[in-house]
Amino acid sequence: MDDHAAGGAGGPGARPESPQAGPAAGELVTETLDYDGGRPVTVYVPPDPPRAVVFAGDGQGVPRWGRALEAAGVPPVMIVGVHGLADETLRLQEYSPVFDAQRFAAHERFFVQDVRRWARSRFGVALPAQRTAVFGASAGGELALALGLRHPDVYGAVFSGSPGAGYQPSGVLPDRIPRTYLVAGTLEPFFLANATRWADALRDAGADVVMSERVASHGAALWRAEFPLMVAWAFGP
């Protein structure tokens, strides 16, 4: 069985859904789009015009991390978070191409095409690939890697936290690979091994890769703390 059944320090199904205390200067906007019976998308709109945009899986939690970006003083970034499913089996099928190719492909079209089109229309954000990233953690880390490798013309950077092992690097990677920032904790050895496997494979393919190891277990605290560093690395001055 894959890593999601095996679990880790944070248990199976860990996802970045940890809000922070304290107000944000930016705004959170949630709307439901026409996909699979209605899928919410939550957007963090920074107080200043965004210089970059991050599209994220498990969007019920990640856009709240805009507060951490404000505190870190990184360039203003919009976070467009597509909510993940509560049913863990269906979530994995949407996030990793190895479990249910048809469901993954449908979600991929929605995430890459429909959500991006909606964000452009709703918020006027239409940034080039070098100012666009895709983020995910745990199963979402697989989603970020899969979408980044499949759509380097859309996402110039991939942020992947503690990726699972369902989707793994193939023998031959694409010629064009987005810049990739991976993070995993020393207290989640299974996920650290997955992240390291990806870092090694991407470097061998000539990609620009950061692999960050932290003394941390599997959970939102690790990913939220690293998120401003990811953004500064990809979009800083």
C-alpha atoms as a PDB file:
ATOM      1  CA  MET A   1       0.000   0.000   0.000  1.00  0.00           C
ATOM      2  CA  ASP A   2       1.139   3.593  -0.529  1.00  0.00           C
ATOM      3  CA  ASP A   3       2.309   6.041   2.114  1.00  0.00           C
ATOM      4  CA  HIS A   4      -1.155   7.433   2.745  1.00  0.00           C
ATOM      5  CA  ALA A   5      -2.269   4.181   4.294  1.00  0.00           C
ATOM      6  CA  ALA A   6       0.990   3.836   6.191  1.00  0.00           C
ATOM      7  CA  GLY A   7       0.601   7.273   7.725  1.00  0.00           C
ATOM      8  CA  GLY A   8       3.373   9.192   9.406  1.00  0.00           C
ATOM      9  CA  ALA A   9       3.999  11.285  12.470  1.00  0.00           C
ATOM     10  CA  GLY A  10       0.859  13.262  11.628  1.00  0.00           C
ATOM     11  CA  GLY A  11      -1.221  10.228  10.765  1.00  0.00           C
ATOM     12  CA  PRO A  12      -2.916   9.383   7.475  1.00  0.00           C
ATOM     13  CA  GLY A  13      -4.722  12.105   5.601  1.00  0.00           C
ATOM     14  CA  ALA A  14      -2.685  14.988   7.014  1.00  0.00           C
ATOM     15  CA  ARG A  15      -3.356  18.168   5.099  1.00  0.00           C
ATOM     16  CA  PRO A  16      -2.543  21.861   5.478  1.00  0.00           C
ATOM     17  CA  GLU A  17      -5.654  23.105   7.272  1.00  0.00           C
ATOM     18  CA  SER A  18      -4.231  24.990  10.247  1.00  0.00           C
ATOM     19  CA  PRO A  19      -5.439  28.598  10.610  1.00  0.00           C
ATOM     20  CA  GLN A  20      -3.386  31.188  12.464  1.00  0.00           C
ATOM     21  CA  ALA A  21      -4.443  33.668  15.103  1.00  0.00           C
ATOM     22  CA  GLY A  22      -4.435  37.379  14.453  1.00  0.00           C
ATOM     23  CA  PRO A  23      -5.895  39.528  11.699  1.00  0.00           C
ATOM     24  CA  ALA A  24      -4.504  39.828   8.188  1.00  0.00           C
ATOM     25  CA  ALA A  25      -4.315  43.018   6.192  1.00  0.00           C
ATOM     26  CA  GLY A  26      -5.304  41.061   3.100  1.00  0.00           C
ATOM     27  CA  GLU A  27      -8.751  39.655   2.354  1.00  0.00           C
ATOM     28  CA  LEU A  28     -10.093  36.110   2.100  1.00  0.00           C
ATOM     29  CA  VAL A  29     -12.703  35.501  -0.593  1.00  0.00           C
ATOM     30  CA  THR A  30     -14.504  32.161  -1.044  1.00  0.00           C
ATOM     31  CA  GLU A  31     -16.717  31.274  -3.990  1.00  0.00           C
ATOM     32  CA  THR A  32     -18.085  27.966  -5.244  1.00  0.00           C
ATOM     33  CA  LEU A  33     -17.301  27.043  -8.834  1.00  0.00           C
ATOM     34  CA  ASP A  34     -19.211  24.677 -11.091  1.00  0.00           C
ATOM     35  CA  TYR A  35     -17.253  21.451 -10.741  1.00  0.00           C
ATOM     36  CA  ASP A  36     -18.237  18.046  -9.368  1.00  0.00           C
ATOM     37  CA  GLY A  37     -21.435  19.368  -7.812  1.00  0.00           C
ATOM     38  CA  GLY A  38     -19.815  22.615  -6.667  1.00  0.00           C
ATOM     39  CA  ARG A  39     -16.223  23.111  -5.500  1.00  0.00           C
ATOM     40  CA  PRO A  40     -15.243  26.016  -3.219  1.00  0.00           C
ATOM     41  CA  VAL A  41     -12.159  28.071  -3.997  1.00  0.00           C
ATOM     42  CA  THR A  42     -10.708  30.378  -1.333  1.00  0.00           C
ATOM     43  CA  VAL A  43      -8.430  33.238  -2.351  1.00  0.00           C
ATOM     44  CA  TYR A  44      -6.089  35.320  -0.231  1.00  0.00           C
ATOM     45  CA  VAL A  45      -5.996  38.780  -1.806  1.00  0.00           C
ATOM     46  CA  PRO A  46      -2.945  40.708  -0.535  1.00  0.00           C
ATOM     47  CA  PRO A  47      -3.317  44.355   0.504  1.00  0.00           C
ATOM     48  CA  ASP A  48      -1.067  45.463  -2.372  1.00  0.00           C
ATOM     49  CA  PRO A  49      -1.294  44.417  -6.043  1.00  0.00           C
ATOM     50  CA  PRO A  50       0.075  40.861  -6.284  1.00  0.00           C
ATOM     51  CA  ARG A  51       3.478  40.384  -7.857  1.00  0.00           C
ATOM     52  CA  ALA A  52       2.960  36.623  -8.016  1.00  0.00           C
ATOM     53  CA  VAL A  53       0.257  34.004  -7.572  1.00  0.00           C
ATOM     54  CA  VAL A  54       0.328  30.583  -5.929  1.00  0.00           C
ATOM     55  CA  PHE A  55      -2.333  28.034  -6.842  1.00  0.00           C
ATOM     56  CA  ALA A  56      -2.752  25.567  -3.991  1.00  0.00           C
ATOM     57  CA  GLY A  57      -4.453  22.298  -3.238  1.00  0.00           C
ATOM     58  CA  ASP A  58      -6.348  21.856   0.058  1.00  0.00           C
ATOM     59  CA  GLY A  59      -7.449  25.446  -0.336  1.00  0.00           C
ATOM     60  CA  GLN A  60      -9.670  25.425   2.737  1.00  0.00           C
ATOM     61  CA  GLY A  61      -6.511  26.056   4.783  1.00  0.00           C
ATOM     62  CA  VAL A  62      -3.597  27.362   2.734  1.00  0.00           C
ATOM     63  CA  PRO A  63      -4.932  30.855   1.819  1.00  0.00           C
ATOM     64  CA  ARG A  64      -5.004  31.688   5.537  1.00  0.00           C
ATOM     65  CA  TRP A  65      -1.217  31.532   5.396  1.00  0.00           C
ATOM     66  CA  GLY A  66      -1.302  34.928   3.735  1.00  0.00           C
ATOM     67  CA  ARG A  67      -0.878  36.254   7.272  1.00  0.00           C
ATOM     68  CA  ALA A  68       2.482  34.498   7.484  1.00  0.00           C
ATOM     69  CA  LEU A  69       3.527  36.098   4.186  1.00  0.00           C
ATOM     70  CA  GLU A  70       2.584  39.528   5.495  1.00  0.00           C
ATOM     71  CA  ALA A  71       4.581  38.952   8.683  1.00  0.00           C
ATOM     72  CA  ALA A  72       7.598  37.768   6.684  1.00  0.00           C
ATOM     73  CA  GLY A  73       7.595  40.868   4.493  1.00  0.00           C
ATOM     74  CA  VAL A  74       7.810  38.944   1.226  1.00  0.00           C
ATOM     75  CA  PRO A  75       6.476  40.462  -2.023  1.00  0.00           C
ATOM     76  CA  PRO A  76       2.655  40.539  -2.184  1.00  0.00           C
ATOM     77  CA  VAL A  77       1.382  37.185  -3.415  1.00  0.00           C
ATOM     78  CA  MET A  78      -2.157  36.043  -4.155  1.00  0.00           C
ATOM     79  CA  ILE A  79      -3.012  32.512  -2.997  1.00  0.00           C
ATOM     80  CA  VAL A  80      -5.743  30.725  -4.958  1.00  0.00           C
ATOM     81  CA  GLY A  81      -6.754  27.672  -2.950  1.00  0.00           C
ATOM     82  CA  VAL A  82      -8.881  24.931  -4.483  1.00  0.00           C
ATOM     83  CA  HIS A  83     -10.613  23.039  -1.672  1.00  0.00           C
ATOM     84  CA  GLY A  84      -9.815  19.354  -1.314  1.00  0.00           C
ATOM     85  CA  LEU A  85     -12.368  16.620  -0.713  1.00  0.00           C
ATOM     86  CA  ALA A  86     -13.074  15.376   2.809  1.00  0.00           C
ATOM     87  CA  ASP A  87     -13.219  11.770   1.585  1.00  0.00           C
ATOM     88  CA  GLU A  88      -9.563  10.734   1.696  1.00  0.00           C
ATOM     89  CA  THR A  89      -9.850   8.093  -1.033  1.00  0.00           C
ATOM     90  CA  LEU A  90     -11.422  10.541  -3.486  1.00  0.00           C
ATOM     91  CA  ARG A  91      -8.897  13.210  -2.479  1.00  0.00           C
ATOM     92  CA  LEU A  92      -6.026  10.876  -3.358  1.00  0.00           C
ATOM     93  CA  GLN A  93      -7.645  10.044  -6.674  1.00  0.00           C
ATOM     94  CA  GLU A  94      -7.827  13.742  -7.531  1.00  0.00           C
ATOM     95  CA  TYR A  95      -4.312  14.558  -6.311  1.00  0.00           C
ATOM     96  CA  SER A  96      -2.205  11.685  -7.616  1.00  0.00           C
ATOM     97  CA  PRO A  97      -2.302  10.432 -11.226  1.00  0.00           C
ATOM     98  CA  VAL A  98      -1.581   6.824 -10.244  1.00  0.00           C
ATOM     99  CA  PHE A  99      -4.855   5.914  -8.482  1.00  0.00           C
ATOM    100  CA  ASP A 100      -7.677   6.946 -10.849  1.00  0.00           C
ATOM    101  CA  ALA A 101      -6.449   8.484 -14.094  1.00  0.00           C
ATOM    102  CA  GLN A 102      -9.897   9.698 -15.150  1.00  0.00           C
ATOM    103  CA  ARG A 103     -10.691  11.471 -11.883  1.00  0.00           C
ATOM    104  CA  PHE A 104      -7.211  12.989 -11.749  1.00  0.00           C
ATOM    105  CA  ALA A 105      -7.521  14.276 -15.315  1.00  0.00           C
ATOM    106  CA  ALA A 106     -10.908  15.887 -14.617  1.00  0.00           C
ATOM    107  CA  HIS A 107      -9.585  17.622 -11.509  1.00  0.00           C
ATOM    108  CA  GLU A 108      -6.438  18.616 -13.408  1.00  0.00           C
ATOM    109  CA  ARG A 109      -8.506  20.384 -16.078  1.00  0.00           C
ATOM    110  CA  PHE A 110     -10.538  22.164 -13.428  1.00  0.00           C
ATOM    111  CA  PHE A 111      -7.481  23.225 -11.419  1.00  0.00           C
ATOM    112  CA  VAL A 112      -5.246  24.268 -14.310  1.00  0.00           C
ATOM    113  CA  GLN A 113      -7.786  25.697 -16.750  1.00  0.00           C
ATOM    114  CA  ASP A 114     -11.054  26.621 -15.067  1.00  0.00           C
ATOM    115  CA  VAL A 115      -9.708  27.980 -11.776  1.00  0.00           C
ATOM    116  CA  ARG A 116      -7.000  29.976 -13.517  1.00  0.00           C
ATOM    117  CA  ARG A 117      -9.544  31.429 -15.944  1.00  0.00           C
ATOM    118  CA  TRP A 118     -11.862  32.314 -13.058  1.00  0.00           C
ATOM    119  CA  ALA A 119      -9.041  33.968 -11.072  1.00  0.00           C
ATOM    120  CA  ARG A 120      -8.119  36.060 -14.085  1.00  0.00           C
ATOM    121  CA  SER A 121     -11.723  37.180 -14.576  1.00  0.00           C
ATOM    122  CA  ARG A 122     -12.610  37.649 -10.899  1.00  0.00           C
ATOM    123  CA  PHE A 123      -9.430  39.303  -9.637  1.00  0.00           C
ATOM    124  CA  GLY A 124      -7.696  40.524 -12.777  1.00  0.00           C
ATOM    125  CA  VAL A 125      -4.629  38.378 -12.053  1.00  0.00           C
ATOM    126  CA  ALA A 126      -2.962  36.985 -15.154  1.00  0.00           C
ATOM    127  CA  LEU A 127       0.709  36.507 -14.475  1.00  0.00           C
ATOM    128  CA  PRO A 128       3.352  34.719 -16.560  1.00  0.00           C
ATOM    129  CA  ALA A 129       4.713  31.334 -15.550  1.00  0.00           C
ATOM    130  CA  GLN A 130       7.788  32.861 -13.939  1.00  0.00           C
ATOM    131  CA  ARG A 131       5.457  34.618 -11.470  1.00  0.00           C
ATOM    132  CA  THR A 132       3.179  31.602 -10.894  1.00  0.00           C
ATOM    133  CA  ALA A 133       3.658  28.616  -8.573  1.00  0.00           C
ATOM    134  CA  VAL A 134       1.697  25.541  -7.562  1.00  0.00           C
ATOM    135  CA  PHE A 135       1.747  24.372  -3.929  1.00  0.00           C
ATOM    136  CA  GLY A 136       0.628  21.299  -2.060  1.00  0.00           C
ATOM    137  CA  ALA A 137       1.527  19.231   0.988  1.00  0.00           C
ATOM    138  CA  SER A 138       1.270  15.525   1.769  1.00  0.00           C
ATOM    139  CA  ALA A 139      -1.009  14.146  -0.971  1.00  0.00           C
ATOM    140  CA  GLY A 140      -1.146  17.732  -2.232  1.00  0.00           C
ATOM    141  CA  GLY A 141       2.629  17.605  -2.563  1.00  0.00           C
ATOM    142  CA  GLU A 142       2.123  14.922  -5.193  1.00  0.00           C
ATOM    143  CA  LEU A 143      -0.452  17.144  -6.903  1.00  0.00           C
ATOM    144  CA  ALA A 144       1.971  20.076  -7.026  1.00  0.00           C
ATOM    145  CA  LEU A 145       4.725  17.938  -8.537  1.00  0.00           C
ATOM    146  CA  ALA A 146       2.404  16.307 -11.067  1.00  0.00           C
ATOM    147  CA  LEU A 147       0.876  19.588 -12.232  1.00  0.00           C
ATOM    148  CA  GLY A 148       4.219  21.371 -12.350  1.00  0.00           C
ATOM    149  CA  LEU A 149       5.814  18.679 -14.485  1.00  0.00           C
ATOM    150  CA  ARG A 150       2.771  18.459 -16.764  1.00  0.00           C
ATOM    151  CA  HIS A 151       2.316  22.226 -17.144  1.00  0.00           C
ATOM    152  CA  PRO A 152       5.668  24.044 -17.009  1.00  0.00           C
ATOM    153  CA  ASP A 153       4.167  26.677 -19.325  1.00  0.00           C
ATOM    154  CA  VAL A 154       1.713  27.579 -16.523  1.00  0.00           C
ATOM    155  CA  TYR A 155       3.720  27.042 -13.329  1.00  0.00           C
ATOM    156  CA  GLY A 156       7.272  28.316 -13.202  1.00  0.00           C
ATOM    157  CA  ALA A 157       7.779  27.020  -9.658  1.00  0.00           C
ATOM    158  CA  VAL A 158       6.634  24.013  -7.646  1.00  0.00           C
ATOM    159  CA  PHE A 159       6.333  24.103  -3.843  1.00  0.00           C
ATOM    160  CA  SER A 160       5.956  20.583  -2.435  1.00  0.00           C
ATOM    161  CA  GLY A 161       5.728  19.787   1.267  1.00  0.00           C
ATOM    162  CA  SER A 162       6.224  16.224   2.469  1.00  0.00           C
ATOM    163  CA  PRO A 163       4.998  14.570  -0.732  1.00  0.00           C
ATOM    164  CA  GLY A 164       3.451  11.134  -0.581  1.00  0.00           C
ATOM    165  CA  ALA A 165       4.830   8.137  -2.443  1.00  0.00           C
ATOM    166  CA  GLY A 166       1.913   7.304  -4.699  1.00  0.00           C
ATOM    167  CA  TYR A 167       3.282   9.485  -7.499  1.00  0.00           C
ATOM    168  CA  GLN A 168       7.017   8.957  -7.900  1.00  0.00           C
ATOM    169  CA  PRO A 169       9.613  10.183 -10.421  1.00  0.00           C
ATOM    170  CA  SER A 170       9.659   8.170 -13.607  1.00  0.00           C
ATOM    171  CA  GLY A 171      12.762   7.040 -15.403  1.00  0.00           C
ATOM    172  CA  VAL A 172      12.509   9.886 -17.914  1.00  0.00           C
ATOM    173  CA  LEU A 173      11.458  13.346 -16.768  1.00  0.00           C
ATOM    174  CA  PRO A 174      10.367  16.168 -19.096  1.00  0.00           C
ATOM    175  CA  ASP A 175      13.004  18.339 -20.740  1.00  0.00           C
ATOM    176  CA  ARG A 176      11.444  21.432 -19.170  1.00  0.00           C
ATOM    177  CA  ILE A 177      11.050  21.313 -15.392  1.00  0.00           C
ATOM    178  CA  PRO A 178       9.885  24.173 -13.163  1.00  0.00           C
ATOM    179  CA  ARG A 179      12.091  25.349 -10.305  1.00  0.00           C
ATOM    180  CA  THR A 180      11.182  23.148  -7.349  1.00  0.00           C
ATOM    181  CA  TYR A 181      11.301  23.703  -3.586  1.00  0.00           C
ATOM    182  CA  LEU A 182      10.719  20.638  -1.407  1.00  0.00           C
ATOM    183  CA  VAL A 183      10.495  20.463   2.368  1.00  0.00           C
ATOM    184  CA  ALA A 184      10.098  17.543   4.767  1.00  0.00           C
ATOM    185  CA  GLY A 185      10.733  16.830   8.433  1.00  0.00           C
ATOM    186  CA  THR A 186      13.267  14.581  10.078  1.00  0.00           C
ATOM    187  CA  LEU A 187      10.463  13.265  12.318  1.00  0.00           C
ATOM    188  CA  GLU A 188       8.499  12.013   9.297  1.00  0.00           C
ATOM    189  CA  PRO A 189      11.141   9.712   7.757  1.00  0.00           C
ATOM    190  CA  PHE A 190       8.782   8.152   5.222  1.00  0.00           C
ATOM    191  CA  PHE A 191       7.887  11.541   3.721  1.00  0.00           C
ATOM    192  CA  LEU A 192      11.452  12.796   4.001  1.00  0.00           C
ATOM    193  CA  ALA A 193      12.548   9.829   1.895  1.00  0.00           C
ATOM    194  CA  ASN A 194       9.875  10.673  -0.693  1.00  0.00           C
ATOM    195  CA  ALA A 195      10.955  14.318  -0.875  1.00  0.00           C
ATOM    196  CA  THR A 196      14.615  13.347  -1.127  1.00  0.00           C
ATOM    197  CA  ARG A 197      13.833  10.907  -3.929  1.00  0.00           C
ATOM    198  CA  TRP A 198      12.180  13.707  -5.885  1.00  0.00           C
ATOM    199  CA  ALA A 199      14.972  16.179  -5.168  1.00  0.00           C
ATOM    200  CA  ASP A 200      17.609  13.736  -6.414  1.00  0.00           C
ATOM    201  CA  ALA A 201      15.657  12.845  -9.548  1.00  0.00           C
ATOM    202  CA  LEU A 202      14.938  16.466 -10.447  1.00  0.00           C
ATOM    203  CA  ARG A 203      18.548  17.520  -9.878  1.00  0.00           C
ATOM    204  CA  ASP A 204      19.732  14.634 -12.041  1.00  0.00           C
ATOM    205  CA  ALA A 205      17.424  15.979 -14.762  1.00  0.00           C
ATOM    206  CA  GLY A 206      19.069  19.398 -14.499  1.00  0.00           C
ATOM    207  CA  ALA A 207      16.360  21.206 -12.535  1.00  0.00           C
ATOM    208  CA  ASP A 208      16.872  24.041 -10.061  1.00  0.00           C
ATOM    209  CA  VAL A 209      15.981  22.376  -6.743  1.00  0.00           C
ATOM    210  CA  VAL A 210      15.924  23.315  -3.057  1.00  0.00           C
ATOM    211  CA  MET A 211      15.532  20.450  -0.573  1.00  0.00           C
ATOM    212  CA  SER A 212      14.869  21.686   2.966  1.00  0.00           C
ATOM    213  CA  GLU A 213      14.997  19.346   5.970  1.00  0.00           C
ATOM    214  CA  ARG A 214      13.464  20.550   9.234  1.00  0.00           C
ATOM    215  CA  VAL A 215      13.213  18.993  12.689  1.00  0.00           C
ATOM    216  CA  ALA A 216       9.462  18.551  12.444  1.00  0.00           C
ATOM    217  CA  SER A 217       6.691  15.999  12.105  1.00  0.00           C
ATOM    218  CA  HIS A 218       4.046  15.632   9.408  1.00  0.00           C
ATOM    219  CA  GLY A 219       1.630  18.526   9.647  1.00  0.00           C
ATOM    220  CA  ALA A 220       0.615  22.073   8.830  1.00  0.00           C
ATOM    221  CA  ALA A 221       3.042  23.689  11.280  1.00  0.00           C
ATOM    222  CA  LEU A 222       5.978  22.503   9.167  1.00  0.00           C
ATOM    223  CA  TRP A 223       4.509  23.565   5.833  1.00  0.00           C
ATOM    224  CA  ARG A 224       3.158  26.908   7.023  1.00  0.00           C
ATOM    225  CA  ALA A 225       6.530  27.876   8.492  1.00  0.00           C
ATOM    226  CA  GLU A 226       8.312  27.032   5.237  1.00  0.00           C
ATOM    227  CA  PHE A 227       5.782  28.709   2.959  1.00  0.00           C
ATOM    228  CA  PRO A 228       7.198  32.270   3.230  1.00  0.00           C
ATOM    229  CA  LEU A 229      10.674  30.896   2.484  1.00  0.00           C
ATOM    230  CA  MET A 230       9.331  29.195  -0.627  1.00  0.00           C
ATOM    231  CA  VAL A 231       7.696  32.408  -1.793  1.00  0.00           C
ATOM    232  CA  ALA A 232      10.806  34.503  -1.100  1.00  0.00           C
ATOM    233  CA  TRP A 233      12.969  31.992  -2.992  1.00  0.00           C
ATOM    234  CA  ALA A 234      10.730  32.003  -6.050  1.00  0.00           C
ATOM    235  CA  PHE A 235       9.520  35.598  -6.144  1.00  0.00           C
ATOM    236  CA  GLY A 236      11.816  37.686  -3.966  1.00  0.00           C
ATOM    237  CA  PRO A 237      13.674  40.707  -5.297  1.00  0.00           C
END
